[in-house]
Amino acid sequence: MKKNSAAQALGKLGGKARADALSQTELSEIARKGAEARASKLSAAKRSEIARKAVQARIAKQRNQGKGKTA
């Protein structure tokens, strides 16, 4: 079954048009609800693992930025 390319193009435009019509506050609220929905599907152990990896990545980034600076 082949997808209708015109329908695909319109679908992409619809999402952009909606995002352009929403305020920053509305976009943030939608994103927050999405994040909560995704997080609710994760176990506490998995959420903890994701948070730990985020912290490690942030620390590594800070270390790498510090190496490029001259004192």
Protein backbone atom coordinates (compact mmCIF):
# COMPACT_ATOMS: atom_id res chain seq x y z
CA MET A 1 0.00 0.00 0.00
CA LYS A 2 1.53 3.30 -1.12
CA LYS A 3 1.12 6.43 0.99
CA ASN A 4 -0.40 9.54 -0.54
CA SER A 5 2.47 12.03 -0.77
CA ALA A 6 0.09 15.01 -0.94
CA ALA A 7 -1.56 13.92 2.31
CA GLN A 8 1.85 13.48 3.93
CA ALA A 9 2.89 16.99 2.90
CA LEU A 10 -0.33 18.49 4.27
CA GLY A 11 0.11 16.61 7.52
CA LYS A 12 3.55 18.11 8.01
CA LEU A 13 2.26 21.60 7.22
CA GLY A 14 -0.62 21.18 9.65
CA GLY A 15 1.68 20.55 12.57
CA LYS A 16 3.85 23.55 11.72
CA ALA A 17 0.81 25.78 11.28
CA ARG A 18 -0.57 24.71 14.64
CA ALA A 19 2.77 25.30 16.36
CA ASP A 20 3.03 28.75 14.79
CA ALA A 21 -0.48 29.63 16.01
CA LEU A 22 0.21 28.64 19.62
CA SER A 23 1.85 30.91 22.18
CA GLN A 24 5.09 29.91 23.87
CA THR A 25 3.16 29.18 27.06
CA GLU A 26 0.77 26.86 25.22
CA LEU A 27 3.65 25.04 23.52
CA SER A 28 5.40 24.61 26.87
CA GLU A 29 2.22 23.22 28.43
CA ILE A 30 1.78 20.68 25.61
CA ALA A 31 5.44 19.65 25.92
CA ARG A 32 5.12 19.30 29.70
CA LYS A 33 2.07 17.05 29.36
CA GLY A 34 3.91 14.92 26.81
CA ALA A 35 6.91 14.57 29.08
CA GLU A 36 4.69 13.54 31.98
CA ALA A 37 2.92 10.95 29.82
CA ARG A 38 6.23 9.47 28.66
CA ALA A 39 7.68 9.46 32.17
CA SER A 40 4.60 7.76 33.63
CA LYS A 41 5.27 4.76 31.40
CA LEU A 42 8.80 4.31 32.81
CA SER A 43 9.74 2.44 35.95
CA ALA A 44 11.44 4.31 38.77
CA ALA A 45 14.69 2.49 38.00
CA LYS A 46 14.58 3.50 34.32
CA ARG A 47 13.81 7.16 35.21
CA SER A 48 16.75 7.10 37.63
CA GLU A 49 19.04 5.65 34.95
CA ILE A 50 18.00 8.32 32.43
CA ALA A 51 18.57 11.09 35.00
CA ARG A 52 21.99 9.68 35.93
CA LYS A 53 23.03 9.61 32.25
CA ALA A 54 21.85 13.20 31.80
CA VAL A 55 23.95 14.35 34.76
CA GLN A 56 27.00 12.47 33.45
CA ALA A 57 26.56 14.07 30.01
CA ARG A 58 26.22 17.53 31.57
CA ILE A 59 29.39 17.04 33.64
CA ALA A 60 31.32 15.76 30.61
CA LYS A 61 30.21 18.77 28.57
CA GLN A 62 31.33 21.15 31.31
CA ARG A 63 34.71 19.43 31.49
CA ASN A 64 35.17 19.63 27.72
CA GLN A 65 34.28 23.33 27.69
CA GLY A 66 36.82 23.96 30.43
CA LYS A 67 39.64 22.36 28.41
CA GLY A 68 39.23 24.84 25.56
CA LYS A 69 39.59 27.90 27.79
CA THR A 70 42.91 29.53 28.58
CA ALA A 71 43.59 30.85 32.05
